Amino acid sequence: MKPNPAAELVALIQKSPDLVKVADARNVLMDSARPSKRRGAYLKIAVPDEVAMALRGDPGKARWEVHVALVPIEARKRLESRIIRP
């Protein structure tokens, strides 16, 4: 069975909330572009050097994993709502 990356990320945050770093992409966004005929859409974000090295460097020396989560605005509204959903 294929692992569920969302469930894995939730478990990581719950188990080690002091170790997992979460940032709103709007706060680290340096550049972005919509797709064109020559390339796909992209986001360019600012990260510490050790995070960049984890993605591009020797996997054996990596100290970080980088996960991307897309959170719909509706999910934020539900979190802030006092309505109990079934």
C-alpha atoms as a PDB file:
ATOM      1  CA  MET A   1       0.000   0.000   0.000  1.00  0.00           C
ATOM      2  CA  LYS A   2       1.321   3.420  -0.958  1.00  0.00           C
ATOM      3  CA  PRO A   3       1.931   5.739   2.021  1.00  0.00           C
ATOM      4  CA  ASN A   4      -0.320   8.772   2.379  1.00  0.00           C
ATOM      5  CA  PRO A   5       1.999  11.825   2.369  1.00  0.00           C
ATOM      6  CA  ALA A   6      -0.638  14.051   4.021  1.00  0.00           C
ATOM      7  CA  ALA A   7      -1.169  11.592   6.880  1.00  0.00           C
ATOM      8  CA  GLU A   8       2.592  11.196   7.241  1.00  0.00           C
ATOM      9  CA  LEU A   9       3.077  14.965   7.437  1.00  0.00           C
ATOM     10  CA  VAL A  10       0.310  15.313  10.044  1.00  0.00           C
ATOM     11  CA  ALA A  11       1.921  12.539  12.101  1.00  0.00           C
ATOM     12  CA  LEU A  12       5.340  14.216  11.888  1.00  0.00           C
ATOM     13  CA  ILE A  13       3.890  17.535  13.061  1.00  0.00           C
ATOM     14  CA  GLN A  14       1.956  15.893  15.898  1.00  0.00           C
ATOM     15  CA  LYS A  15       4.897  13.803  17.085  1.00  0.00           C
ATOM     16  CA  SER A  16       7.562  16.539  16.895  1.00  0.00           C
ATOM     17  CA  PRO A  17       5.870  19.950  16.711  1.00  0.00           C
ATOM     18  CA  ASP A  18       8.979  21.686  18.043  1.00  0.00           C
ATOM     19  CA  LEU A  19      11.158  20.263  15.250  1.00  0.00           C
ATOM     20  CA  VAL A  20       8.927  20.713  12.202  1.00  0.00           C
ATOM     21  CA  LYS A  21       9.111  24.154  10.583  1.00  0.00           C
ATOM     22  CA  VAL A  22       6.071  25.457   8.704  1.00  0.00           C
ATOM     23  CA  ALA A  23       6.018  28.724   6.774  1.00  0.00           C
ATOM     24  CA  ASP A  24       3.323  30.484   4.792  1.00  0.00           C
ATOM     25  CA  ALA A  25       4.623  30.504   1.217  1.00  0.00           C
ATOM     26  CA  ARG A  26       3.680  34.182   0.881  1.00  0.00           C
ATOM     27  CA  ASN A  27       6.309  34.982   3.526  1.00  0.00           C
ATOM     28  CA  VAL A  28       9.156  33.207   1.703  1.00  0.00           C
ATOM     29  CA  LEU A  29       8.131  33.776  -1.919  1.00  0.00           C
ATOM     30  CA  MET A  30      10.837  35.505  -3.959  1.00  0.00           C
ATOM     31  CA  ASP A  31       9.460  35.045  -7.465  1.00  0.00           C
ATOM     32  CA  SER A  32       6.732  33.216  -9.339  1.00  0.00           C
ATOM     33  CA  ALA A  33       5.573  32.744 -12.911  1.00  0.00           C
ATOM     34  CA  ARG A  34       2.654  31.213 -14.706  1.00  0.00           C
ATOM     35  CA  PRO A  35       3.359  28.584 -17.339  1.00  0.00           C
ATOM     36  CA  SER A  36       4.546  29.513 -20.809  1.00  0.00           C
ATOM     37  CA  LYS A  37       5.218  27.513 -23.965  1.00  0.00           C
ATOM     38  CA  ARG A  38       8.844  26.977 -22.900  1.00  0.00           C
ATOM     39  CA  ARG A  39       8.466  26.077 -19.212  1.00  0.00           C
ATOM     40  CA  GLY A  40       5.988  25.211 -16.517  1.00  0.00           C
ATOM     41  CA  ALA A  41       4.754  27.467 -13.748  1.00  0.00           C
ATOM     42  CA  TYR A  42       7.112  27.896 -10.818  1.00  0.00           C
ATOM     43  CA  LEU A  43       7.542  29.376  -7.366  1.00  0.00           C
ATOM     44  CA  LYS A  44      10.942  30.509  -6.142  1.00  0.00           C
ATOM     45  CA  ILE A  45      11.176  30.508  -2.343  1.00  0.00           C
ATOM     46  CA  ALA A  46      13.853  31.602   0.109  1.00  0.00           C
ATOM     47  CA  VAL A  47      15.128  28.823   2.393  1.00  0.00           C
ATOM     48  CA  PRO A  48      18.155  28.446   4.654  1.00  0.00           C
ATOM     49  CA  ASP A  49      21.258  27.030   2.951  1.00  0.00           C
ATOM     50  CA  GLU A  50      21.033  23.732   4.828  1.00  0.00           C
ATOM     51  CA  VAL A  51      17.564  23.155   3.362  1.00  0.00           C
ATOM     52  CA  ALA A  52      18.766  23.897  -0.178  1.00  0.00           C
ATOM     53  CA  MET A  53      21.691  21.510   0.371  1.00  0.00           C
ATOM     54  CA  ALA A  54      19.263  18.808   1.542  1.00  0.00           C
ATOM     55  CA  LEU A  55      17.446  19.011  -1.792  1.00  0.00           C
ATOM     56  CA  ARG A  56      20.452  19.348  -4.094  1.00  0.00           C
ATOM     57  CA  GLY A  57      23.354  17.900  -2.132  1.00  0.00           C
ATOM     58  CA  ASP A  58      24.394  14.493  -0.833  1.00  0.00           C
ATOM     59  CA  PRO A  59      21.247  12.737   0.451  1.00  0.00           C
ATOM     60  CA  GLY A  60      23.327  11.011   3.124  1.00  0.00           C
ATOM     61  CA  LYS A  61      24.194  14.359   4.696  1.00  0.00           C
ATOM     62  CA  ALA A  62      20.686  15.841   4.553  1.00  0.00           C
ATOM     63  CA  ARG A  63      19.162  16.987   7.835  1.00  0.00           C
ATOM     64  CA  TRP A  64      15.835  18.114   6.360  1.00  0.00           C
ATOM     65  CA  GLU A  65      13.025  16.808   4.180  1.00  0.00           C
ATOM     66  CA  VAL A  66      10.933  19.348   2.312  1.00  0.00           C
ATOM     67  CA  HIS A  67       7.211  18.706   1.858  1.00  0.00           C
ATOM     68  CA  VAL A  68       4.768  20.877  -0.052  1.00  0.00           C
ATOM     69  CA  ALA A  69       1.184  21.112   1.182  1.00  0.00           C
ATOM     70  CA  LEU A  70      -1.607  22.974  -0.576  1.00  0.00           C
ATOM     71  CA  VAL A  71      -4.237  24.096   1.931  1.00  0.00           C
ATOM     72  CA  PRO A  72      -7.569  25.324   0.563  1.00  0.00           C
ATOM     73  CA  ILE A  73      -8.909  28.536   2.106  1.00  0.00           C
ATOM     74  CA  GLU A  74     -12.054  26.549   3.011  1.00  0.00           C
ATOM     75  CA  ALA A  75      -9.941  24.381   5.337  1.00  0.00           C
ATOM     76  CA  ARG A  76      -8.738  27.501   7.193  1.00  0.00           C
ATOM     77  CA  LYS A  77     -12.339  28.699   7.529  1.00  0.00           C
ATOM     78  CA  ARG A  78     -13.372  25.334   8.962  1.00  0.00           C
ATOM     79  CA  LEU A  79     -10.512  25.430  11.452  1.00  0.00           C
ATOM     80  CA  GLU A  80     -11.578  28.858  12.680  1.00  0.00           C
ATOM     81  CA  SER A  81     -15.303  27.986  12.739  1.00  0.00           C
ATOM     82  CA  ARG A  82     -17.018  26.971  15.954  1.00  0.00           C
ATOM     83  CA  ILE A  83     -19.498  24.817  14.048  1.00  0.00           C
ATOM     84  CA  ILE A  84     -19.015  21.109  14.789  1.00  0.00           C
ATOM     85  CA  ARG A  85     -19.062  19.085  11.579  1.00  0.00           C
ATOM     86  CA  PRO A  86     -19.974  15.373  11.430  1.00  0.00           C
END
